[in-house]
Amino acid sequence: MKSRVQVQRITPQVDGGRYAAKAVVGDDVIVGADIFREGHDQVAAAVRYRGPEDERWREAPLRLDVNDRWYGSFQVDRIGPWRYQVVAWTDHYASWLDGISKKLAAGRTDLEVDVGVGARLLERRRGLKAARAAILQTAALLRSPEVPLADKIFAAGDPAMLLVLQRHPERKDTTFARPQLRLWVDREAARFTAWYEMFPRSEAAQPGRSGTFADAAKRLPTIVEMGFDVVYLPPIHPIGRTNRKGANNSLIAGPDDPGVPWAIGGPEGGHKSVHPALGTIEDLDDFVAEAHRHGLEVALDYAIQCSPDHPWVTEHPEWFKHHPDGSIQHAENPPKEYQDIFPVDFDTRDLDGLINELKSIIDFWISHGVKIFRVDNPHTKPLPFWEWLIELVHLEHPDVLFLSEAFTRPKMMQTLAKLGFSQSYTYFAWRNSKQEITAYLTELTRTEMVDYFRPSFWPNTPDILTEFLQSGGRPAFKLRLLLAALLSPAYGIYSGYELCENVPAREGSEEYLDSEKYQYRPRDWNQPDSLAPYITRLNRLRKIHPALRLFRTLWFHHIDDPAMLCFSKVTFDRTHPILVVANLDVHSPRESLTSLDLWQLGLENAGEAYEAHDLLTDTVYVWHGQENYVRLDPQVEPAHVFALRAL
C-alpha cells in the first residue's frame, strides 16, 4: 500500500515542476503544502533541499498553519540550480501524546496501558548516542511505577524532549512528493537593479559625427551619480548600408545618416564586431572596465537579425527565408516593414550550425566582461531555442542575466520568464489609472507569477513615448519615474527622460520626433530643469530602505479619491515600512483621506500616534490611526514617500 499521508498543492511550483521557480541569493524560500491523512493520527513534514554541487540533502521542518496547510523555509546561499522536495509522514508519538493528553484532561486515570504504548514508541526510536540516551531516559520514566501519571504525561510532552524527537524522527510511512521541484537562484541584480539606456553614438563632443566609446565613458560618472546600477547599450555592431533608414524612419537615407543600430552587420563584420565609428573592441573593453570601476555593469543588446550586408547573408544564405525568386525576405510586423533587416530562419536545414553560432555570440561578449543581455523581441524566436540557450549559458556562467524585451501576449511573456529569462519588460508604461495599476500589480504579486516572473518597469524606451508623457509635462515624468522605481525593484529609463523629452513624431504616435534610433541625438545634459537630482534621490531611497528591494510585500491601501494611489512595502518581518501616496492626476491638485491597513505596516500596536517622514521633502508629520489627510499638487510634488515609525 502506498503511503497514507497526502501531500498536495506545493508552492512554489511552476507548471507542476516543468519549470524552475526563482529566487536570489540570501532569500528565505517559503515552501507551503497541504498535508493530511485519514483518521485522527497526526502528521509531520519537512522540506529537503540541495544546492549546486551539494552531495547530500538538507532539511527544514514544515509547521502546521491552518486547515491542513503547512509552511517552512530554507535559505539559498549560492547562485545556480537548486532542488527541493516535501516529505511527510505519520507522527506516531505526537498522535499518542495528543490522545493521552486529552484523556487525562477529561479525568481519565486508567491510562497505564496507554503510557506503556508511549514508552514502546520511545524505545524503538533511533538516534545518535546522546539523543538515544535522552529518549530512553524518558521511556524509563514512563515505565516507573513511582512517578505520578500527570508527571509522566508532562515529561512526555517536555519541549526539550520533543525537540530531540524532531531532530531524530521516525518515518515508517514517508511520502516523498513527486516530482522533485526545481529552483533557479540568481544574484540580487536579477531582482533589484536600476538601468540607464544610452546610445554611445550620440555622445560626440561635436555635432554631426558619431560619439565613441571614449565619449560615452565620460558620462559614466553622471550615470552612477544618479544611482543607476546598469548602463545598457543598444546594438554596437556595424550597421548595414543596403536599405538604410534615414531620419524619422525615412526610407531614403542621406550620405551622413547613421542608420538603425538593429540593422546589424556590414563589410566590417557582424554580431562579434563593433561599429568602427564607435571604436575598436579594445575601446569597448576600456568602456566596460571604466564602468566596472564606477560600480556599473554594462548590458548589451542581443538582437537575432541581420542587415542585408551582414557576413552571414553570403556565408550562410541557408539561414534565411527566401522568396520564390531567390531574394531574401525582410522583416515585417504588418503593417510595419523593416526593409533594412533580415530575420533568421529557425526552420533552416542547418539549425545546429545556426544556434551554435548564436550561442557563440553570447560567449564572445561574456569573454569581454559583459554579464547582462537585453534580448530584442524574443517572442519572435522559437521558445525551445531560448530554453536551450539560457540553460547552456547558465551551466557555464550562472551569474549571467537576460532581460526579455517582449511586449506581446501575456502568456507568451509569462512563458519566456518560465523558460529562464531573469527579468521581463511589462505593460507598466500603459497602466495609468488607479484601477489599471492596482489590477496589474496585484496579478504580478498575488498570483503564481510572483514565483517566476520578475518585472522590469520602464516608463519610456526608444520605441515608447506614451500619450501620458506627451501630454503630462514634467509632473507626468516625475510621477511615472517614481511609480516605476518604487513599485518594482527593477526598473529603467531611456536617456533623455531626465530632460522630459516628449515630442512625438506625429499625433497619435508613440515614436519620438527625431528619434535617436535613426540619427545622432546630442543633448545638453546641464539644463537647469533636469530631473537628474530627483532621479538621484529616488535611487538613493531604493538602496537605503530594504523594503524597496522587495516585490512580494507590495500592498495597496484604500484611499477615497479615485485619482490617488496609496501603497506600501515592508520587509518580511513587517519592519521598516515605506508608504507611498501618489496623485495620478498630473494636471490638478488632489486631496483625500487614507484608510491604512495598520497591521500590514506593523503598526497595529503603535498606539494613537506614529511618525510619517516624507523622504522626498524631509518633512515630518505625526499621523493618527487609519485615516489621515493628504493633499498633493503635481506642480509641486506628485507623491509622498513616507518612512513610518511608531512613536
Foldseek 3Di string as FASTA:
>chain_A
DAFQKDKDDKPPDDPNQPFAFEAAAFDWGKIKIQIDGDDQFDKWKWKWKDDPPDPDIDIWTWDDDPDSMTMDTDGHHDFFKMWMWMKMATQRLVSLLVVVVVCVVVPDDPCLVSLLVNLVVLQPFDDPPVLNVVSNVLSVVSVDPVDGPVVNSCSSPPPVNVVSCVVRDDHPNMDIDPDTHMYGYEHLCLFFFEEEEDEQQQQDPDPLAGHALVSVLVCLVLVVLLQGAEYEYEAQAQAADVQFAAWPRHSDHDPSWRGFSLQAAAPQAGLLFGHPSHPGLVSVLVSQVSNVVSNHAYEYEQEQKHFCHHPCCVVPVLQFDADPVGHGDFDDDPPDTDNGITHTDCVGPPNVVVLVVSLVSVVSVVVSVHQEYEYPAPLVDDLVSLLVSQVVVCVVPSNHAYEYEHPDDPVSQLVSQSSPHSAYEDPLLVQQFQVSVVVVLCCCQVDSVVRGYRYEYENADQQFQDPQLQPLFPLSLLQSLLCRQQQGSHYYYYPPSQVSQRDACDPPGRHGRRRCSTHRDHDDPVDPSGCSVVSSLSSVVCVPQVQSSDNNLKDWWDKPDRQKTWIWTAPPVLPFIKIKIFGSPSPFKDKTWTQDPCVSNVCPPLPFWKWWQFSVVRDIDIHGHGIDMDMDHSVVPGMGITGIGRD
